[in-house]
């Protein structure tokens, strides 16, 4: 009968199931390798704090920073003098450090520290709408570069399992970005920045859970950092007078860091199947779609496909002070120039100097937010907490990289 299955049909179904199982096993193996690779890099690199900031702001993976620095691909913006640069050595063999290198490092710190305060300046829009605008604007910036790579190399051909892993990495990126921006509505800017960048501490906890050895310096540094975070949270609670909201904001900032770790793990697997700019463009483009879906379906916010000032998908293109000019500053000046500033500064400074400079971002963000009039300065507990978090994190990243980097102290 027509409704009966033939032996050939059953054989085809079994073969299809076997193909799916093999694809899932292969992708799961790649993800597991990415997890172990992340722990391995935690032992060999002391750029954890810096990596999280660059990854969340521009979706660029730590390993790809070198490719950009060496001028690979169409974005050759950094010159040809970085041939001996690596994330592990972190320093070019030069005579003396020029003044311009200090300016580059300072500008990078200020640019990336400005993102949180500037997002608060962007008024009359929900936190989710701000992320949709930022991702859409960044995807437009990356579109010509991705188009060039598609033209020269073709569109990536992935299996459905690989596309699923990519979707997981993009979802984690959305979680990291959305949680950070939403946390700004509940806690101090400095708290949000320092907790959302706590990759080193999260990896340390992960190492403990998988049974890896943790030194006394790492463990002590982590305890000091978490104690400092508790002080920051208490200071934010006291200053705002709403403990539940401040704790919610701190929890969202930590969720942002967890999302960033998930993104690094899943993205390492999916990134290996496509070129850098295509990967970054698809992450931002698909991420903006997912964020808009979350905005409409989960949060129930109004979102229109027009240039409405408050809820339009293209609202950031309006030529008014807090829309197109501000979005240009966030996407081009803060994201791109901040990232490139750090990369260029790596030529001249030891990696521990770079990471220490990155640890100044929360304090810089506090002063910038105060200067922009969107937040007050923290109290004495907040300053002590910031110092403890910075010191504890520095102890963790110093111990992780000690003895592994030729130029490390």
Foldseek 3Di string as FASTA:
>chain_A
DVPDDDPVNVVVVVVVVVVVVVLLVVLVVLLVVLLVVVLVVLQAALCLLVQLLLCLQQVFHQVCLVVQCCQHAPNRPNDHPCPPDDRRQLAADDDADDPVLVVLLVLLLLLSLCQQLLLLVLPQADLLLSLLQLLVVSLVVLVVRLVVCCVVPNDFDDDVSLVVLLVQLLVLSLLLSSLLSNLVVQFPSLLLSLLLSPLSLVSVVVCVVVPHDDDPLLVVLSVLQVVLSVLQLVLRCVVVVNNVSSVSSNVSSNSSNVSSVSNSSSCVSSCVRDPRSNSSSCSSVVSSVVSVCCVCVVVVDDADCDCDCYHHSVVLCPPDDSRVVSSCSSNPVRNPSSSVSLSSSSHHDGSLVSSLSNLCSSVSSQVVSVVVVSDHHTDPSNVSSSVSSSRSSSSSSLSSNPPSHPPRD
